[in-house]
């Protein structure tokens, strides 16, 4: 049965939300460590040092600072991303002169994922800015960059509105876009390539949970290896702009290279890699299975 495009979009959106929730629940402590180490690399000797100091200074709850905006960010991003992914797959089919039901190649799926990420960026940037600021609030106070911290989502939101207005939520938009477009090309490319490998001539839809999780994890690792320095610059722009005027992407990138060296752009890579595999494996597992369940329910009617 051919599914109505509006129903299909709603299914993809809901399945994307389920995937985004699974991603945050699985990897939030590692994401917190990543943002802290990216923004304040001189404060931490490594991942273990970051975990120990965070626990001693803030307690266990310190690892889950920014969880609410992280949930909102991931649910919003992945809902829009997977809804637009289905739409962009149809655009790729149209541009390639293919039938609507034709299976796309791994490369064509990667291109569709890259196009879809541009739409997801618009909802991701504001929520990720709030998340990153909450995660590094303790370090901002310790470094003397701010005198009074914000401990709740609302206080950060209010601070952005008072200081910069609504457009303040889009600090780091260009760097987020620079990260998302190539990042999601390799993300979906890696995921689909891995699924093709496991399918071995069978339909990809027949794959079980283990191959799906491995494929999702592989896609996540491909993404972060490809765009990590860009993400590091984005985090600095979004966090340090709270303390005053912050240079744009090229200015921040040049400053980091000149003053701290190229390795500073890879600070926090270890927790990112540790998080990438289980978090993105959970994301795709939740997405594929929830989507399959909803499609079966629709086909039953």
Protein backbone atom coordinates (compact mmCIF):
# COMPACT_ATOMS: atom_id res chain seq x y z
CA UNK A 1 0.00 0.00 0.00
CA UNK A 2 1.27 3.46 -0.92
CA UNK A 3 1.50 5.69 2.15
CA UNK A 4 0.15 9.24 2.01
CA UNK A 5 3.14 11.70 1.92
CA UNK A 6 1.82 13.62 4.95
CA UNK A 7 1.43 10.39 6.98
CA UNK A 8 4.89 9.24 5.86
CA UNK A 9 6.37 12.58 6.98
CA UNK A 10 4.62 12.26 10.37
CA UNK A 11 5.98 8.71 10.80
CA UNK A 12 9.54 9.82 9.94
CA UNK A 13 9.24 12.80 12.31
CA UNK A 14 8.00 10.62 15.21
CA UNK A 15 10.61 7.92 14.58
CA UNK A 16 13.31 10.62 14.45
CA UNK A 17 12.12 11.92 17.84
CA UNK A 18 12.39 8.40 19.30
CA UNK A 19 15.90 8.10 17.89
CA UNK A 20 16.95 11.49 19.28
CA UNK A 21 15.72 10.54 22.76
CA UNK A 22 17.65 7.26 22.69
CA UNK A 23 20.79 9.11 21.57
CA UNK A 24 20.70 11.56 24.51
CA UNK A 25 19.84 8.97 27.16
CA UNK A 26 22.79 6.83 26.00
CA UNK A 27 25.49 9.44 25.62
CA UNK A 28 24.82 12.62 27.66
CA UNK A 29 27.72 12.34 30.21
CA UNK A 30 30.25 11.91 27.38
CA UNK A 31 28.74 14.85 25.49
CA UNK A 32 29.13 17.04 28.60
CA UNK A 33 32.80 16.04 28.89
CA UNK A 34 33.30 16.75 25.18
CA UNK A 35 31.94 20.32 25.38
CA UNK A 36 33.91 21.09 28.57
CA UNK A 37 37.18 19.85 27.04
CA UNK A 38 36.57 21.63 23.73
CA UNK A 39 35.89 25.00 25.33
CA UNK A 40 38.37 24.91 28.23
CA UNK A 41 41.15 22.49 27.12
CA UNK A 42 43.68 23.91 29.62
CA UNK A 43 41.50 22.97 32.61
CA UNK A 44 41.58 19.23 31.97
CA UNK A 45 44.45 16.80 31.32
CA UNK A 46 42.16 14.24 29.72
CA UNK A 47 38.81 12.46 29.91
CA UNK A 48 39.36 10.84 33.31
CA UNK A 49 40.58 14.15 34.80
CA UNK A 50 37.46 15.88 33.41
CA UNK A 51 35.15 13.27 34.93
CA UNK A 52 36.92 13.35 38.33
CA UNK A 53 36.99 17.16 38.58
CA UNK A 54 33.37 17.50 37.46
CA UNK A 55 32.25 14.96 40.06
CA UNK A 56 34.28 16.59 42.86
CA UNK A 57 33.20 20.16 42.06
CA UNK A 58 29.58 19.75 40.96
CA UNK A 59 28.62 16.19 41.81
CA UNK A 60 26.97 13.53 39.67
CA UNK A 61 24.38 16.01 38.40
CA UNK A 62 27.22 17.89 36.67
CA UNK A 63 27.36 15.17 34.01
CA UNK A 64 23.72 15.81 33.17
CA UNK A 65 23.86 19.61 32.97
CA UNK A 66 22.12 20.62 29.75
CA UNK A 67 20.15 17.37 29.48
CA UNK A 68 16.82 19.16 28.96
CA UNK A 69 18.06 21.33 26.06
CA UNK A 70 20.04 18.32 24.78
CA UNK A 71 16.80 16.33 24.66
CA UNK A 72 14.99 19.21 22.97
CA UNK A 73 17.92 19.69 20.56
CA UNK A 74 18.18 16.02 19.61
CA UNK A 75 14.44 15.43 19.38
CA UNK A 76 13.99 18.58 17.28
CA UNK A 77 17.05 17.90 15.10
CA UNK A 78 16.35 14.24 14.45
CA UNK A 79 12.61 14.78 13.93
CA UNK A 80 13.31 17.39 11.25
CA UNK A 81 16.35 15.49 9.93
CA UNK A 82 14.58 12.18 9.33
CA UNK A 83 11.38 13.82 8.08
CA UNK A 84 13.42 15.85 5.56
CA UNK A 85 15.60 12.82 4.80
CA UNK A 86 12.60 11.00 3.34
CA UNK A 87 11.63 14.14 1.41
CA UNK A 88 15.20 14.69 0.14
CA UNK A 89 15.41 11.05 -0.97
CA UNK A 90 12.46 11.79 -3.27
CA UNK A 91 14.24 14.89 -4.58
CA UNK A 92 17.36 12.81 -5.31
CA UNK A 93 15.18 10.25 -7.14
CA UNK A 94 13.60 13.06 -9.18
CA UNK A 95 16.99 14.61 -10.07
CA UNK A 96 18.39 11.19 -11.01
CA UNK A 97 15.29 10.36 -13.09
CA UNK A 98 14.36 7.38 -10.91
CA UNK A 99 10.97 5.94 -9.99
CA UNK A 100 9.57 6.90 -6.55
CA UNK A 101 9.98 3.34 -5.26
CA UNK A 102 13.51 2.76 -6.61
CA UNK A 103 16.11 1.95 -3.94
CA UNK A 104 18.83 4.62 -3.82
CA UNK A 105 22.53 3.83 -3.83
CA UNK A 106 24.58 4.47 -0.67
CA UNK A 107 26.05 7.62 -2.29
CA UNK A 108 22.59 8.95 -3.18
CA UNK A 109 21.36 8.31 0.38
CA UNK A 110 24.41 10.20 1.69
CA UNK A 111 23.53 13.18 -0.53
CA UNK A 112 19.91 13.10 0.70
CA UNK A 113 21.14 13.09 4.32
CA UNK A 114 23.40 16.06 3.65
CA UNK A 115 20.55 18.08 2.10
CA UNK A 116 18.25 17.18 5.03
CA UNK A 117 20.79 18.39 7.59
CA UNK A 118 20.52 21.97 6.29
CA UNK A 119 16.89 22.08 7.50
CA UNK A 120 17.75 20.41 10.82
CA UNK A 121 20.41 23.09 11.49
CA UNK A 122 17.72 25.76 11.89
CA UNK A 123 16.16 24.00 14.89
CA UNK A 124 19.43 22.59 16.25
CA UNK A 125 21.50 25.78 16.56
CA UNK A 126 19.38 27.58 19.24
CA UNK A 127 18.89 24.50 21.44
CA UNK A 128 22.53 23.45 21.15
CA UNK A 129 23.67 26.94 22.17
CA UNK A 130 21.64 26.70 25.39
CA UNK A 131 22.91 23.15 26.03
CA UNK A 132 26.59 24.05 25.54
CA UNK A 133 26.34 27.11 27.81
CA UNK A 134 24.69 25.13 30.59
CA UNK A 135 27.31 22.38 30.31
CA UNK A 136 30.21 24.85 30.69
CA UNK A 137 28.69 27.30 33.18
CA UNK A 138 30.96 26.10 36.01
CA UNK A 139 34.08 26.56 33.85
CA UNK A 140 32.96 30.03 32.71
CA UNK A 141 32.75 31.10 36.36
CA UNK A 142 36.03 29.44 37.35
CA UNK A 143 37.88 31.16 34.49
CA UNK A 144 36.46 34.54 35.50
CA UNK A 145 34.76 35.07 32.14
CA UNK A 146 31.42 35.62 33.88
CA UNK A 147 30.68 36.67 37.45
CA UNK A 148 27.26 35.09 37.87
CA UNK A 149 26.26 31.77 36.34
CA UNK A 150 22.91 30.51 35.06
CA UNK A 151 21.81 27.16 36.45
CA UNK A 152 18.54 26.61 34.60
CA UNK A 153 17.43 26.47 30.99
CA UNK A 154 15.16 29.47 31.48
CA UNK A 155 17.92 31.64 33.00
CA UNK A 156 20.18 30.93 29.99
CA UNK A 157 17.33 31.65 27.57
CA UNK A 158 16.50 34.90 29.40
CA UNK A 159 20.17 35.92 29.37
CA UNK A 160 20.43 35.41 25.60
CA UNK A 161 17.24 37.39 24.96
CA UNK A 162 18.35 40.29 27.21
CA UNK A 163 21.87 40.49 25.77
CA UNK A 164 21.44 39.69 22.07
CA UNK A 165 17.73 39.37 21.34
CA UNK A 166 16.18 36.42 19.43
CA UNK A 167 19.02 36.36 16.89
CA UNK A 168 21.42 35.60 19.75
CA UNK A 169 20.23 31.98 19.65
CA UNK A 170 21.81 31.67 16.21
CA UNK A 171 25.38 32.37 17.34
CA UNK A 172 27.49 29.77 15.57
CA UNK A 173 24.91 29.11 12.83
CA UNK A 174 27.48 29.19 10.01
CA UNK A 175 29.79 26.78 11.87
CA UNK A 176 26.85 24.49 12.67
CA UNK A 177 25.94 24.45 8.96
CA UNK A 178 29.60 23.84 8.01
CA UNK A 179 29.59 20.87 10.38
CA UNK A 180 26.22 19.42 9.42
CA UNK A 181 26.44 19.38 5.59
CA UNK A 182 29.63 17.29 5.21
CA UNK A 183 29.05 15.54 8.55
CA UNK A 184 25.68 14.08 7.62
CA UNK A 185 26.92 13.12 4.17
CA UNK A 186 29.43 10.74 5.78
CA UNK A 187 26.97 9.89 8.61
CA UNK A 188 24.26 8.55 6.31
CA UNK A 189 26.86 7.30 3.82
CA UNK A 190 28.63 5.28 6.52
CA UNK A 191 25.33 3.97 7.91
CA UNK A 192 23.99 2.87 4.52
CA UNK A 193 27.35 1.41 3.44
CA UNK A 194 27.50 -0.65 6.63
CA UNK A 195 23.89 -1.82 6.18
CA UNK A 196 24.71 -2.88 2.61
CA UNK A 197 27.65 -4.88 3.93
CA UNK A 198 25.52 -6.69 6.52
CA UNK A 199 22.60 -7.25 4.10
CA UNK A 200 24.86 -9.17 1.62
CA UNK A 201 22.31 -9.07 -1.19
CA UNK A 202 19.22 -9.31 1.06
CA UNK A 203 16.88 -6.40 1.75
CA UNK A 204 18.30 -3.92 4.28
CA UNK A 205 14.89 -3.91 5.98
CA UNK A 206 15.47 -7.50 7.12
CA UNK A 207 18.49 -6.62 9.28
CA UNK A 208 18.27 -7.37 13.00
CA UNK A 209 19.09 -5.06 15.93
CA UNK A 210 22.83 -5.88 16.19
CA UNK A 211 23.71 -5.01 12.54
CA UNK A 212 21.56 -1.86 12.84
CA UNK A 213 23.36 -0.73 16.00
CA UNK A 214 26.78 -1.44 14.49
CA UNK A 215 25.83 0.44 11.30
CA UNK A 216 24.55 3.42 13.31
CA UNK A 217 27.68 3.42 15.47
CA UNK A 218 29.90 3.28 12.37
CA UNK A 219 28.01 6.22 10.84
CA UNK A 220 28.45 8.23 14.05
CA UNK A 221 32.20 7.60 14.18
CA UNK A 222 32.54 8.59 10.49
CA UNK A 223 30.69 11.85 11.21
CA UNK A 224 32.88 12.93 14.15
CA UNK A 225 36.18 11.98 12.51
CA UNK A 226 35.20 14.12 9.49
CA UNK A 227 34.01 17.28 11.26
CA UNK A 228 35.39 17.34 14.80
CA UNK A 229 37.58 20.50 14.44
CA UNK A 230 34.57 22.40 13.05
CA UNK A 231 32.48 21.28 16.03
CA UNK A 232 35.20 22.45 18.41
CA UNK A 233 35.16 25.95 16.86
CA UNK A 234 31.33 25.98 16.99
CA UNK A 235 31.33 25.11 20.71
CA UNK A 236 33.78 27.92 21.49
CA UNK A 237 31.74 30.48 19.56
CA UNK A 238 28.49 29.50 21.26
CA UNK A 239 29.96 29.34 24.79
CA UNK A 240 32.52 32.16 24.83
CA UNK A 241 30.18 34.67 23.13
CA UNK A 242 28.38 34.69 26.49
CA UNK A 243 31.38 36.50 28.01
CA UNK A 244 31.56 39.21 25.34
CA UNK A 245 32.11 39.71 21.64
CA UNK A 246 33.42 36.53 20.02
CA UNK A 247 35.06 36.26 16.58
CA UNK A 248 33.29 34.33 13.82
CA UNK A 249 34.27 30.95 12.44
CA UNK A 250 37.46 31.94 10.60
CA UNK A 251 38.59 34.30 13.40
CA UNK A 252 38.06 31.69 16.13
CA UNK A 253 39.67 28.95 14.03
CA UNK A 254 42.75 31.14 13.35
CA UNK A 255 43.04 32.15 17.02
CA UNK A 256 42.98 28.52 18.19
CA UNK A 257 45.63 27.48 15.63
CA UNK A 258 47.87 30.46 16.39
CA UNK A 259 47.64 30.41 20.20
CA UNK A 260 47.02 26.75 21.08
CA UNK A 261 48.07 24.68 18.07
CA UNK A 262 46.21 22.17 15.92
CA UNK A 263 45.79 19.63 18.74
CA UNK A 264 43.48 22.04 20.59
CA UNK A 265 40.94 21.50 17.80
CA UNK A 266 40.80 17.83 18.82
CA UNK A 267 40.40 18.38 22.56
CA UNK A 268 37.52 16.21 23.79
CA UNK A 269 37.80 13.75 20.88
CA UNK A 270 38.08 10.71 23.20
CA UNK A 271 34.69 11.15 24.96
CA UNK A 272 33.15 11.95 21.58
CA UNK A 273 34.39 8.67 20.10
CA UNK A 274 33.31 6.73 23.21
CA UNK A 275 29.86 8.30 22.94
CA UNK A 276 29.50 8.10 19.14
CA UNK A 277 29.16 4.34 18.78
CA UNK A 278 26.54 3.50 21.45
CA UNK A 279 24.60 6.78 21.09
CA UNK A 280 24.24 6.63 17.31
CA UNK A 281 23.67 2.88 17.41
CA UNK A 282 20.76 3.52 19.79
CA UNK A 283 19.54 6.39 17.59
CA UNK A 284 19.21 4.29 14.45
CA UNK A 285 17.88 1.24 16.30
CA UNK A 286 15.10 3.34 17.87
CA UNK A 287 14.41 5.11 14.56
CA UNK A 288 14.25 1.99 12.38
CA UNK A 289 12.17 -0.10 14.79
CA UNK A 290 9.69 2.62 15.74
CA UNK A 291 9.30 3.50 12.05
CA UNK A 292 8.73 -0.17 11.16
CA UNK A 293 6.08 -0.55 13.91
CA UNK A 294 4.21 2.58 12.75
CA UNK A 295 4.37 1.51 9.08
CA UNK A 296 2.87 -1.88 10.00
CA UNK A 297 0.07 -0.17 11.92
CA UNK A 298 -0.72 2.06 8.92
CA UNK A 299 -0.60 -0.88 6.47
CA UNK A 300 -3.01 -2.82 8.72
CA UNK A 301 -5.77 -0.26 8.03
